[in-house]
Structure formats: structure tokens, C-alpha cells
PDB file of N, CA and C in Angstrom:
ATOM      1  N   MET A   1      -0.033   5.694 -30.288  1.00  0.00           N
ATOM      2  CA  MET A   1      -1.377   5.554 -29.700  1.00  0.00           C
ATOM      3  C   MET A   1      -1.231   5.696 -28.189  1.00  0.00           C
ATOM      4  N   ALA A   2      -2.284   6.310 -27.558  1.00  0.00           N
ATOM      5  CA  ALA A   2      -2.274   6.549 -26.050  1.00  0.00           C
ATOM      6  C   ALA A   2      -3.748   6.390 -25.565  1.00  0.00           C
ATOM      7  N   TYR A   3      -3.821   6.465 -24.372  1.00  0.00           N
ATOM      8  CA  TYR A   3      -5.083   6.456 -23.610  1.00  0.00           C
ATOM      9  C   TYR A   3      -5.269   7.976 -23.231  1.00  0.00           C
ATOM     10  N   VAL A   4      -6.595   8.340 -23.123  1.00  0.00           N
ATOM     11  CA  VAL A   4      -6.960   9.692 -22.612  1.00  0.00           C
ATOM     12  C   VAL A   4      -8.020   9.519 -21.625  1.00  0.00           C
ATOM     13  N   VAL A   5      -7.990  10.612 -20.789  1.00  0.00           N
ATOM     14  CA  VAL A   5      -9.026  10.739 -19.777  1.00  0.00           C
ATOM     15  C   VAL A   5     -10.134  11.662 -20.305  1.00  0.00           C
ATOM     16  N   THR A   6     -11.448  11.325 -20.136  1.00  0.00           N
ATOM     17  CA  THR A   6     -12.535  12.198 -20.738  1.00  0.00           C
ATOM     18  C   THR A   6     -13.249  12.879 -19.524  1.00  0.00           C
ATOM     19  N   ASP A   7     -14.351  13.454 -19.830  1.00  0.00           N
ATOM     20  CA  ASP A   7     -15.033  14.298 -18.764  1.00  0.00           C
ATOM     21  C   ASP A   7     -15.689  13.427 -17.759  1.00  0.00           C
ATOM     22  N   GLY A   8     -15.852  12.123 -17.976  1.00  0.00           N
ATOM     23  CA  GLY A   8     -16.311  11.199 -16.853  1.00  0.00           C
ATOM     24  C   GLY A   8     -15.548  11.267 -15.618  1.00  0.00           C
ATOM     25  N   CYS A   9     -14.259  11.884 -15.722  1.00  0.00           N
ATOM     26  CA  CYS A   9     -13.417  11.970 -14.521  1.00  0.00           C
ATOM     27  C   CYS A   9     -13.705  13.195 -13.733  1.00  0.00           C
ATOM     28  N   ILE A  10     -14.327  14.166 -14.416  1.00  0.00           N
ATOM     29  CA  ILE A  10     -14.358  15.450 -13.805  1.00  0.00           C
ATOM     30  C   ILE A  10     -15.293  15.348 -12.524  1.00  0.00           C
ATOM     31  N   ARG A  11     -14.901  15.868 -11.510  1.00  0.00           N
ATOM     32  CA  ARG A  11     -15.513  15.787 -10.187  1.00  0.00           C
ATOM     33  C   ARG A  11     -15.628  14.412  -9.494  1.00  0.00           C
ATOM     34  N   CYS A  12     -15.170  13.425 -10.245  1.00  0.00           N
ATOM     35  CA  CYS A  12     -15.042  12.072  -9.739  1.00  0.00           C
ATOM     36  C   CYS A  12     -13.551  11.841  -9.157  1.00  0.00           C
ATOM     37  N   LYS A  13     -12.726  11.900 -10.044  1.00  0.00           N
ATOM     38  CA  LYS A  13     -11.333  11.709  -9.798  1.00  0.00           C
ATOM     39  C   LYS A  13     -10.959  10.619  -8.718  1.00  0.00           C
ATOM     40  N   TYR A  14     -11.390   9.435  -8.994  1.00  0.00           N
ATOM     41  CA  TYR A  14     -11.168   8.347  -8.257  1.00  0.00           C
ATOM     42  C   TYR A  14      -9.689   7.892  -7.896  1.00  0.00           C
ATOM     43  N   MET A  15      -8.878   7.950  -9.066  1.00  0.00           N
ATOM     44  CA  MET A  15      -7.428   7.776  -9.054  1.00  0.00           C
ATOM     45  C   MET A  15      -7.050   6.350  -8.915  1.00  0.00           C
ATOM     46  N   ASP A  16      -7.983   5.350  -9.160  1.00  0.00           N
ATOM     47  CA  ASP A  16      -7.616   3.822  -9.104  1.00  0.00           C
ATOM     48  C   ASP A  16      -6.690   3.696 -10.152  1.00  0.00           C
ATOM     49  N   CYS A  17      -6.752   4.367 -11.410  1.00  0.00           N
ATOM     50  CA  CYS A  17      -5.912   4.143 -12.520  1.00  0.00           C
ATOM     51  C   CYS A  17      -4.497   4.357 -12.277  1.00  0.00           C
ATOM     52  N   VAL A  18      -4.174   5.500 -11.340  1.00  0.00           N
ATOM     53  CA  VAL A  18      -2.859   5.888 -11.027  1.00  0.00           C
ATOM     54  C   VAL A  18      -2.125   4.726 -10.530  1.00  0.00           C
ATOM     55  N   SER A  19      -2.672   3.886  -9.658  1.00  0.00           N
ATOM     56  CA  SER A  19      -1.958   2.835  -8.853  1.00  0.00           C
ATOM     57  C   SER A  19      -1.498   1.680  -9.755  1.00  0.00           C
ATOM     58  N   VAL A  20      -2.157   1.612 -11.000  1.00  0.00           N
ATOM     59  CA  VAL A  20      -1.634   0.562 -11.880  1.00  0.00           C
ATOM     60  C   VAL A  20      -0.807   0.950 -13.057  1.00  0.00           C
ATOM     61  N   CYS A  21      -0.724   2.194 -13.312  1.00  0.00           N
ATOM     62  CA  CYS A  21       0.140   2.670 -14.401  1.00  0.00           C
ATOM     63  C   CYS A  21       1.585   2.440 -14.324  1.00  0.00           C
ATOM     64  N   PRO A  22       2.188   1.540 -15.162  1.00  0.00           N
ATOM     65  CA  PRO A  22       3.715   1.281 -15.087  1.00  0.00           C
ATOM     66  C   PRO A  22       4.575   2.375 -15.392  1.00  0.00           C
ATOM     67  N   VAL A  23       4.082   3.517 -16.030  1.00  0.00           N
ATOM     68  CA  VAL A  23       4.943   4.470 -16.317  1.00  0.00           C
ATOM     69  C   VAL A  23       4.615   5.855 -15.866  1.00  0.00           C
ATOM     70  N   ASP A  24       3.755   5.949 -14.823  1.00  0.00           N
ATOM     71  CA  ASP A  24       3.409   7.124 -13.999  1.00  0.00           C
ATOM     72  C   ASP A  24       2.982   8.301 -14.954  1.00  0.00           C
ATOM     73  N   CYS A  25       2.100   8.134 -15.943  1.00  0.00           N
ATOM     74  CA  CYS A  25       1.874   9.162 -16.930  1.00  0.00           C
ATOM     75  C   CYS A  25       0.557  10.001 -16.611  1.00  0.00           C
ATOM     76  N   PHE A  26       0.171   9.872 -15.428  1.00  0.00           N
ATOM     77  CA  PHE A  26      -1.040  10.718 -14.932  1.00  0.00           C
ATOM     78  C   PHE A  26      -0.586  12.075 -14.325  1.00  0.00           C
ATOM     79  N   TYR A  27      -1.412  13.044 -14.780  1.00  0.00           N
ATOM     80  CA  TYR A  27      -1.239  14.338 -14.103  1.00  0.00           C
ATOM     81  C   TYR A  27      -2.573  14.852 -13.436  1.00  0.00           C
ATOM     82  N   ALA A  28      -2.482  15.536 -12.397  1.00  0.00           N
ATOM     83  CA  ALA A  28      -3.548  15.909 -11.637  1.00  0.00           C
ATOM     84  C   ALA A  28      -3.967  17.402 -11.603  1.00  0.00           C
ATOM     85  N   GLY A  29      -5.201  17.630 -11.992  1.00  0.00           N
ATOM     86  CA  GLY A  29      -5.785  18.950 -11.717  1.00  0.00           C
ATOM     87  C   GLY A  29      -6.554  18.875 -10.414  1.00  0.00           C
ATOM     88  N   GLU A  30      -7.314  19.906 -10.124  1.00  0.00           N
ATOM     89  CA  GLU A  30      -8.099  20.107  -8.870  1.00  0.00           C
ATOM     90  C   GLU A  30      -9.245  19.093  -8.897  1.00  0.00           C
ATOM     91  N   ASN A  31      -9.878  18.887 -10.087  1.00  0.00           N
ATOM     92  CA  ASN A  31     -11.076  17.959 -10.083  1.00  0.00           C
ATOM     93  C   ASN A  31     -10.967  17.027 -11.240  1.00  0.00           C
ATOM     94  N   MET A  32      -9.813  16.653 -11.844  1.00  0.00           N
ATOM     95  CA  MET A  32      -9.738  15.793 -12.931  1.00  0.00           C
ATOM     96  C   MET A  32      -8.210  15.230 -13.026  1.00  0.00           C
ATOM     97  N   LEU A  33      -8.062  14.021 -13.779  1.00  0.00           N
ATOM     98  CA  LEU A  33      -6.783  13.625 -13.965  1.00  0.00           C
ATOM     99  C   LEU A  33      -6.637  13.611 -15.589  1.00  0.00           C
ATOM    100  N   VAL A  34      -5.482  13.666 -16.059  1.00  0.00           N
ATOM    101  CA  VAL A  34      -5.212  13.550 -17.482  1.00  0.00           C
ATOM    102  C   VAL A  34      -4.097  12.700 -17.703  1.00  0.00           C
ATOM    103  N   ILE A  35      -3.875  12.065 -18.882  1.00  0.00           N
ATOM    104  CA  ILE A  35      -2.734  11.266 -19.297  1.00  0.00           C
ATOM    105  C   ILE A  35      -1.874  12.036 -20.202  1.00  0.00           C
ATOM    106  N   ASN A  36      -0.565  12.071 -19.967  1.00  0.00           N
ATOM    107  CA  ASN A  36       0.344  12.597 -20.914  1.00  0.00           C
ATOM    108  C   ASN A  36       0.532  11.601 -22.080  1.00  0.00           C
ATOM    109  N   PRO A  37       0.047  11.932 -23.309  1.00  0.00           N
ATOM    110  CA  PRO A  37       0.215  11.028 -24.483  1.00  0.00           C
ATOM    111  C   PRO A  37       1.425  10.676 -24.796  1.00  0.00           C
ATOM    112  N   ASP A  38       2.417  11.604 -24.678  1.00  0.00           N
ATOM    113  CA  ASP A  38       3.901  11.317 -24.929  1.00  0.00           C
ATOM    114  C   ASP A  38       4.520  10.161 -23.934  1.00  0.00           C
ATOM    115  N   GLU A  39       3.993  10.212 -22.865  1.00  0.00           N
ATOM    116  CA  GLU A  39       4.511   9.113 -21.978  1.00  0.00           C
ATOM    117  C   GLU A  39       3.758   7.771 -21.911  1.00  0.00           C
ATOM    118  N   CYS A  40       2.510   7.864 -22.216  1.00  0.00           N
ATOM    119  CA  CYS A  40       1.536   6.578 -22.189  1.00  0.00           C
ATOM    120  C   CYS A  40       2.231   5.605 -23.190  1.00  0.00           C
ATOM    121  N   ILE A  41       2.226   4.354 -22.706  1.00  0.00           N
ATOM    122  CA  ILE A  41       2.903   3.258 -23.497  1.00  0.00           C
ATOM    123  C   ILE A  41       1.731   2.285 -24.119  1.00  0.00           C
ATOM    124  N   ASP A  42       0.568   2.904 -23.974  1.00  0.00           N
ATOM    125  CA  ASP A  42      -0.743   2.067 -24.532  1.00  0.00           C
ATOM    126  C   ASP A  42      -0.816   0.715 -24.058  1.00  0.00           C
ATOM    127  N   CYS A  43      -0.475   0.590 -22.845  1.00  0.00           N
ATOM    128  CA  CYS A  43      -0.658  -0.824 -22.192  1.00  0.00           C
ATOM    129  C   CYS A  43      -2.181  -1.099 -21.944  1.00  0.00           C
ATOM    130  N   GLY A  44      -2.959   0.019 -21.618  1.00  0.00           N
ATOM    131  CA  GLY A  44      -4.430  -0.268 -21.292  1.00  0.00           C
ATOM    132  C   GLY A  44      -4.735  -0.728 -19.975  1.00  0.00           C
ATOM    133  N   VAL A  45      -3.818  -0.811 -19.026  1.00  0.00           N
ATOM    134  CA  VAL A  45      -4.189  -1.383 -17.593  1.00  0.00           C
ATOM    135  C   VAL A  45      -5.010  -0.338 -16.923  1.00  0.00           C
ATOM    136  N   CYS A  46      -4.993   0.911 -17.304  1.00  0.00           N
ATOM    137  CA  CYS A  46      -5.812   1.993 -16.556  1.00  0.00           C
ATOM    138  C   CYS A  46      -7.146   1.887 -16.989  1.00  0.00           C
ATOM    139  N   GLU A  47      -7.519   1.534 -18.049  1.00  0.00           N
ATOM    140  CA  GLU A  47      -8.993   1.652 -18.649  1.00  0.00           C
ATOM    141  C   GLU A  47      -9.898   0.930 -17.760  1.00  0.00           C
ATOM    142  N   PRO A  48      -9.725  -0.466 -17.458  1.00  0.00           N
ATOM    143  CA  PRO A  48     -10.575  -1.068 -16.682  1.00  0.00           C
ATOM    144  C   PRO A  48     -10.509  -0.777 -15.168  1.00  0.00           C
ATOM    145  N   GLU A  49      -9.575  -0.146 -14.803  1.00  0.00           N
ATOM    146  CA  GLU A  49      -9.536   0.258 -13.279  1.00  0.00           C
ATOM    147  C   GLU A  49     -10.460   1.510 -12.987  1.00  0.00           C
ATOM    148  N   CYS A  50     -10.915   2.188 -13.933  1.00  0.00           N
ATOM    149  CA  CYS A  50     -11.592   3.454 -13.805  1.00  0.00           C
ATOM    150  C   CYS A  50     -13.065   3.361 -13.470  1.00  0.00           C
ATOM    151  N   PRO A  51     -13.422   3.479 -12.162  1.00  0.00           N
ATOM    152  CA  PRO A  51     -14.845   3.240 -11.815  1.00  0.00           C
ATOM    153  C   PRO A  51     -15.772   4.182 -12.641  1.00  0.00           C
ATOM    154  N   ALA A  52     -15.245   5.374 -13.041  1.00  0.00           N
ATOM    155  CA  ALA A  52     -16.073   6.285 -13.765  1.00  0.00           C
ATOM    156  C   ALA A  52     -16.191   6.020 -15.356  1.00  0.00           C
ATOM    157  N   GLU A  53     -15.485   5.001 -15.765  1.00  0.00           N
ATOM    158  CA  GLU A  53     -15.292   4.584 -17.193  1.00  0.00           C
ATOM    159  C   GLU A  53     -14.925   5.782 -18.041  1.00  0.00           C
ATOM    160  N   ALA A  54     -14.045   6.540 -17.438  1.00  0.00           N
ATOM    161  CA  ALA A  54     -13.649   7.804 -18.115  1.00  0.00           C
ATOM    162  C   ALA A  54     -12.342   7.758 -19.066  1.00  0.00           C
ATOM    163  N   ILE A  55     -11.792   6.506 -19.134  1.00  0.00           N
ATOM    164  CA  ILE A  55     -10.515   6.402 -19.898  1.00  0.00           C
ATOM    165  C   ILE A  55     -10.794   5.652 -21.121  1.00  0.00           C
ATOM    166  N   LEU A  56     -10.401   6.074 -22.236  1.00  0.00           N
ATOM    167  CA  LEU A  56     -10.585   5.660 -23.599  1.00  0.00           C
ATOM    168  C   LEU A  56      -9.195   5.578 -24.410  1.00  0.00           C
ATOM    169  N   PRO A  57      -9.101   4.666 -25.215  1.00  0.00           N
ATOM    170  CA  PRO A  57      -7.973   4.672 -26.277  1.00  0.00           C
ATOM    171  C   PRO A  57      -8.131   5.869 -27.122  1.00  0.00           C
ATOM    172  N   ASP A  58      -7.164   6.545 -27.620  1.00  0.00           N
ATOM    173  CA  ASP A  58      -7.207   7.640 -28.415  1.00  0.00           C
ATOM    174  C   ASP A  58      -7.667   7.271 -29.815  1.00  0.00           C
ATOM    175  N   THR A  59      -7.920   6.027 -30.103  1.00  0.00           N
ATOM    176  CA  THR A  59      -8.476   5.671 -31.348  1.00  0.00           C
ATOM    177  C   THR A  59      -9.952   5.529 -31.256  1.00  0.00           C
ATOM    178  N   ASP A  60     -10.622   5.621 -30.166  1.00  0.00           N
ATOM    179  CA  ASP A  60     -12.014   5.521 -29.996  1.00  0.00           C
ATOM    180  C   ASP A  60     -12.512   6.920 -30.457  1.00  0.00           C
ATOM    181  N   PRO A  61     -13.552   6.922 -31.430  1.00  0.00           N
ATOM    182  CA  PRO A  61     -14.044   8.344 -31.945  1.00  0.00           C
ATOM    183  C   PRO A  61     -14.549   9.291 -30.656  1.00  0.00           C
ATOM    184  N   ARG A  62     -14.916   8.590 -29.621  1.00  0.00           N
ATOM    185  CA  ARG A  62     -15.345   9.421 -28.553  1.00  0.00           C
ATOM    186  C   ARG A  62     -14.259  10.058 -27.665  1.00  0.00           C
ATOM    187  N   ALA A  63     -13.037   9.782 -28.094  1.00  0.00           N
ATOM    188  CA  ALA A  63     -11.801  10.371 -27.369  1.00  0.00           C
ATOM    189  C   ALA A  63     -11.184  11.560 -28.151  1.00  0.00           C
ATOM    190  N   ALA A  64     -11.640  11.778 -29.328  1.00  0.00           N
ATOM    191  CA  ALA A  64     -11.096  12.686 -30.222  1.00  0.00           C
ATOM    192  C   ALA A  64     -10.918  14.093 -29.685  1.00  0.00           C
ATOM    193  N   GLU A  65     -11.956  14.555 -28.998  1.00  0.00           N
ATOM    194  CA  GLU A  65     -11.910  15.939 -28.404  1.00  0.00           C
ATOM    195  C   GLU A  65     -11.038  16.083 -27.139  1.00  0.00           C
ATOM    196  N   TRP A  66     -10.628  14.839 -26.608  1.00  0.00           N
ATOM    197  CA  TRP A  66      -9.961  14.719 -25.359  1.00  0.00           C
ATOM    198  C   TRP A  66      -8.401  14.735 -25.500  1.00  0.00           C
ATOM    199  N   VAL A  67      -8.020  14.250 -26.616  1.00  0.00           N
ATOM    200  CA  VAL A  67      -6.454  14.170 -26.841  1.00  0.00           C
ATOM    201  C   VAL A  67      -5.813  15.366 -26.585  1.00  0.00           C
ATOM    202  N   ALA A  68      -6.284  16.483 -27.271  1.00  0.00           N
ATOM    203  CA  ALA A  68      -5.422  17.865 -27.042  1.00  0.00           C
ATOM    204  C   ALA A  68      -5.649  18.330 -25.703  1.00  0.00           C
ATOM    205  N   LEU A  69      -6.701  18.067 -24.979  1.00  0.00           N
ATOM    206  CA  LEU A  69      -7.137  18.624 -23.701  1.00  0.00           C
ATOM    207  C   LEU A  69      -6.001  17.729 -22.746  1.00  0.00           C
ATOM    208  N   ASN A  70      -5.835  16.533 -22.954  1.00  0.00           N
ATOM    209  CA  ASN A  70      -4.986  15.771 -22.083  1.00  0.00           C
ATOM    210  C   ASN A  70      -3.513  16.245 -22.192  1.00  0.00           C
ATOM    211  N   ALA A  71      -3.171  16.372 -23.490  1.00  0.00           N
ATOM    212  CA  ALA A  71      -1.693  16.905 -23.708  1.00  0.00           C
ATOM    213  C   ALA A  71      -1.490  18.221 -23.200  1.00  0.00           C
ATOM    214  N   ASP A  72      -2.473  19.146 -23.284  1.00  0.00           N
ATOM    215  CA  ASP A  72      -2.345  20.478 -22.756  1.00  0.00           C
ATOM    216  C   ASP A  72      -2.220  20.461 -21.257  1.00  0.00           C
ATOM    217  N   TYR A  73      -3.049  19.910 -20.660  1.00  0.00           N
ATOM    218  CA  TYR A  73      -3.045  19.882 -18.981  1.00  0.00           C
ATOM    219  C   TYR A  73      -1.899  19.045 -18.498  1.00  0.00           C
ATOM    220  N   ALA A  74      -1.363  18.051 -19.226  1.00  0.00           N
ATOM    221  CA  ALA A  74      -0.326  17.125 -18.676  1.00  0.00           C
ATOM    222  C   ALA A  74       0.917  18.052 -18.654  1.00  0.00           C
ATOM    223  N   ALA A  75       0.990  19.057 -19.485  1.00  0.00           N
ATOM    224  CA  ALA A  75       2.134  19.896 -19.501  1.00  0.00           C
ATOM    225  C   ALA A  75       2.101  20.913 -18.400  1.00  0.00           C
ATOM    226  N   LYS A  76       0.871  21.243 -17.842  1.00  0.00           N
ATOM    227  CA  LYS A  76       0.699  22.239 -16.827  1.00  0.00           C
ATOM    228  C   LYS A  76       0.530  21.628 -15.386  1.00  0.00           C
ATOM    229  N   TRP A  77      -0.054  20.492 -15.243  1.00  0.00           N
ATOM    230  CA  TRP A  77      -0.416  19.948 -13.934  1.00  0.00           C
ATOM    231  C   TRP A  77       0.645  19.128 -13.335  1.00  0.00           C
ATOM    232  N   PRO A  78       0.842  18.814 -12.058  1.00  0.00           N
ATOM    233  CA  PRO A  78       1.741  17.931 -11.553  1.00  0.00           C
ATOM    234  C   PRO A  78       1.520  16.463 -11.818  1.00  0.00           C
ATOM    235  N   ASN A  79       2.747  15.842 -12.045  1.00  0.00           N
ATOM    236  CA  ASN A  79       2.626  14.315 -12.154  1.00  0.00           C
ATOM    237  C   ASN A  79       2.136  13.658 -10.862  1.00  0.00           C
ATOM    238  N   ILE A  80       1.319  12.562 -10.984  1.00  0.00           N
ATOM    239  CA  ILE A  80       0.750  11.914  -9.789  1.00  0.00           C
ATOM    240  C   ILE A  80       1.249  10.375  -9.965  1.00  0.00           C
ATOM    241  N   ALA A  81       1.841   9.770  -9.023  1.00  0.00           N
ATOM    242  CA  ALA A  81       2.236   8.378  -9.150  1.00  0.00           C
ATOM    243  C   ALA A  81       1.607   7.540  -8.097  1.00  0.00           C
ATOM    244  N   GLU A  82       0.807   8.206  -7.232  1.00  0.00           N
ATOM    245  CA  GLU A  82       0.128   7.248  -6.162  1.00  0.00           C
ATOM    246  C   GLU A  82      -1.296   7.737  -6.130  1.00  0.00           C
ATOM    247  N   LYS A  83      -2.214   6.734  -5.796  1.00  0.00           N
ATOM    248  CA  LYS A  83      -3.595   6.935  -5.688  1.00  0.00           C
ATOM    249  C   LYS A  83      -3.779   7.845  -4.438  1.00  0.00           C
ATOM    250  N   GLY A  84      -4.663   8.830  -4.602  1.00  0.00           N
ATOM    251  CA  GLY A  84      -4.951   9.747  -3.462  1.00  0.00           C
ATOM    252  C   GLY A  84      -6.520   9.418  -3.124  1.00  0.00           C
ATOM    253  N   GLU A  85      -6.917  10.410  -2.315  1.00  0.00           N
ATOM    254  CA  GLU A  85      -8.542  10.263  -1.922  1.00  0.00           C
ATOM    255  C   GLU A  85      -9.218  10.979  -3.003  1.00  0.00           C
ATOM    256  N   ALA A  86     -10.347  10.139  -3.412  1.00  0.00           N
ATOM    257  CA  ALA A  86     -11.380  10.753  -4.233  1.00  0.00           C
ATOM    258  C   ALA A  86     -12.224  11.766  -3.453  1.00  0.00           C
ATOM    259  N   PRO A  87     -12.780  12.655  -4.258  1.00  0.00           N
ATOM    260  CA  PRO A  87     -13.522  13.706  -3.515  1.00  0.00           C
ATOM    261  C   PRO A  87     -14.698  13.120  -2.811  1.00  0.00           C
ATOM    262  N   ALA A  88     -15.164  13.703  -1.719  1.00  0.00           N
ATOM    263  CA  ALA A  88     -16.234  13.017  -0.908  1.00  0.00           C
ATOM    264  C   ALA A  88     -17.491  12.841  -1.599  1.00  0.00           C
ATOM    265  N   ASP A  89     -17.834  13.712  -2.692  1.00  0.00           N
ATOM    266  CA  ASP A  89     -19.066  13.559  -3.527  1.00  0.00           C
ATOM    267  C   ASP A  89     -18.716  12.940  -4.895  1.00  0.00           C
ATOM    268  N   ALA A  90     -17.779  12.253  -5.077  1.00  0.00           N
ATOM    269  CA  ALA A  90     -17.344  11.621  -6.288  1.00  0.00           C
ATOM    270  C   ALA A  90     -18.563  10.698  -6.867  1.00  0.00           C
ATOM    271  N   ASP A  91     -19.089   9.861  -5.936  1.00  0.00           N
ATOM    272  CA  ASP A  91     -20.070   9.011  -6.318  1.00  0.00           C
ATOM    273  C   ASP A  91     -21.383   9.744  -6.892  1.00  0.00           C
ATOM    274  N   GLU A  92     -21.787  10.920  -6.309  1.00  0.00           N
ATOM    275  CA  GLU A  92     -22.829  11.685  -6.868  1.00  0.00           C
ATOM    276  C   GLU A  92     -22.548  12.247  -8.254  1.00  0.00           C
ATOM    277  N   TRP A  93     -21.376  12.420  -8.858  1.00  0.00           N
ATOM    278  CA  TRP A  93     -20.999  12.774 -10.025  1.00  0.00           C
ATOM    279  C   TRP A  93     -20.719  11.666 -11.061  1.00  0.00           C
ATOM    280  N   LYS A  94     -20.506  10.590 -10.631  1.00  0.00           N
ATOM    281  CA  LYS A  94     -20.244   9.370 -11.408  1.00  0.00           C
ATOM    282  C   LYS A  94     -21.362   9.132 -12.251  1.00  0.00           C
ATOM    283  N   GLY A  95     -21.073   9.005 -13.549  1.00  0.00           N
ATOM    284  CA  GLY A  95     -22.130   8.698 -14.746  1.00  0.00           C
ATOM    285  C   GLY A  95     -22.719   9.940 -15.240  1.00  0.00           C
ATOM    286  N   LYS A  96     -22.565  10.999 -14.713  1.00  0.00           N
ATOM    287  CA  LYS A  96     -23.088  12.275 -15.267  1.00  0.00           C
ATOM    288  C   LYS A  96     -22.472  12.670 -16.470  1.00  0.00           C
ATOM    289  N   GLU A  97     -23.110  13.114 -17.421  1.00  0.00           N
ATOM    290  CA  GLU A  97     -22.474  13.426 -18.934  1.00  0.00           C
ATOM    291  C   GLU A  97     -22.482  15.017 -18.868  1.00  0.00           C
ATOM    292  N   GLY A  98     -21.637  15.430 -19.838  1.00  0.00           N
ATOM    293  CA  GLY A  98     -21.454  16.802 -20.220  1.00  0.00           C
ATOM    294  C   GLY A  98     -20.742  17.691 -19.023  1.00  0.00           C
ATOM    295  N   LYS A  99     -19.809  17.068 -18.447  1.00  0.00           N
ATOM    296  CA  LYS A  99     -19.171  17.822 -17.291  1.00  0.00           C
ATOM    297  C   LYS A  99     -17.969  18.832 -17.685  1.00  0.00           C
ATOM    298  N   LEU A 100     -17.783  18.936 -19.018  1.00  0.00           N
ATOM    299  CA  LEU A 100     -16.651  19.734 -19.337  1.00  0.00           C
ATOM    300  C   LEU A 100     -16.640  21.140 -18.866  1.00  0.00           C
ATOM    301  N   ALA A 101     -17.864  21.713 -18.694  1.00  0.00           N
ATOM    302  CA  ALA A 101     -17.944  23.149 -18.164  1.00  0.00           C
ATOM    303  C   ALA A 101     -17.545  23.130 -16.694  1.00  0.00           C
ATOM    304  N   LEU A 102     -17.413  22.008 -15.988  1.00  0.00           N
ATOM    305  CA  LEU A 102     -17.097  21.985 -14.549  1.00  0.00           C
ATOM    306  C   LEU A 102     -15.637  21.709 -14.388  1.00  0.00           C
ATOM    307  N   LEU A 103     -14.841  21.514 -15.488  1.00  0.00           N
ATOM    308  CA  LEU A 103     -13.386  21.272 -15.423  1.00  0.00           C
ATOM    309  C   LEU A 103     -12.728  22.490 -14.722  1.00  0.00           C
ATOM    310  N   ASP A 104     -11.919  22.214 -13.611  1.00  0.00           N
ATOM    311  CA  ASP A 104     -11.157  23.285 -12.974  1.00  0.00           C
ATOM    312  C   ASP A 104      -9.825  23.241 -13.541  1.00  0.00           C
ATOM    313  N   PRO A 105      -9.473  24.340 -14.190  1.00  0.00           N
ATOM    314  CA  PRO A 105      -8.045  24.286 -14.912  1.00  0.00           C
ATOM    315  C   PRO A 105      -6.868  24.403 -13.962  1.00  0.00           C
ATOM    316  N   ALA A 106      -7.136  24.531 -12.705  1.00  0.00           N
ATOM    317  CA  ALA A 106      -6.065  24.710 -11.684  1.00  0.00           C
ATOM    318  C   ALA A 106      -5.279  23.418 -11.433  1.00  0.00           C
ATOM    319  N   PRO A 107      -3.968  23.364 -11.228  1.00  0.00           N
ATOM    320  CA  PRO A 107      -3.337  22.222 -10.911  1.00  0.00           C
ATOM    321  C   PRO A 107      -3.819  21.685  -9.521  1.00  0.00           C
ATOM    322  N   ALA A 108      -3.583  20.351  -9.193  1.00  0.00           N
ATOM    323  CA  ALA A 108      -4.075  19.864  -7.925  1.00  0.00           C
ATOM    324  C   ALA A 108      -3.157  20.502  -6.879  1.00  0.00           C
ATOM    325  N   THR A 109      -3.513  20.666  -5.761  1.00  0.00           N
ATOM    326  CA  THR A 109      -2.883  21.224  -4.588  1.00  0.00           C
ATOM    327  C   THR A 109      -2.795  20.307  -3.424  1.00  0.00           C
ATOM    328  N   HIS A 110      -3.257  19.130  -3.680  1.00  0.00           N
ATOM    329  CA  HIS A 110      -3.278  18.174  -2.642  1.00  0.00           C
ATOM    330  C   HIS A 110      -3.063  16.709  -3.160  1.00  0.00           C
TER     331      HIS A 110
END
């Protein structure tokens, strides 16, 4: 079992979750984070830290479509072990649904 990041993170990318992860299993794209399911130890400390409520256990039915996406992008994006700056307009995107079409597949450059 592991946790996954859902579309709630897209364009928000607060990164509070990164600072509490004991195994550094977060990977960064330009406008979203993902969790490497092979590295996640299912401790759950990241879930309550996410201001966008974008992290779910992979056993949650709402997480089903995100398991493969997290695994795929974790293999392509750089690992992130420290909290960075959230986008300036993150609060404007918080809570908006259906953001998958806004996912930037590029790896983070900052």
C-alpha cells in the first residue's frame, strides 16, 4: 500500500508534504508532485499536511486513477526532499476540481 497525489495538487504544489516525508518519496513536475509507490512506506504523515487535500491512500476508491500516474511520473521527474516555494497563484487553484487537463508533464526545473 502507498499514498498517491491527485489532481488537487495541480497548479497548487504547496509542498508541505515533502518536509514531513521520512523516506523522500516525492517527485516534482512543473506544476504537481507525485509519490513513488515503490518508495512510500505508507506512514501517512503527508496526507494531513497537504493544504490542497490532494493526497490519498491508494486503497481509497478516489485514488484508483492516480496510482499509475504517480508511478509513471515518479520514474521521469526529479526527486524532491525539501519544501520549495508554492506557485504565487496556488491559493487561486486550491479546491478546484477536474485539473488533470492542466497537468504539465515536464519535470520541475526549479
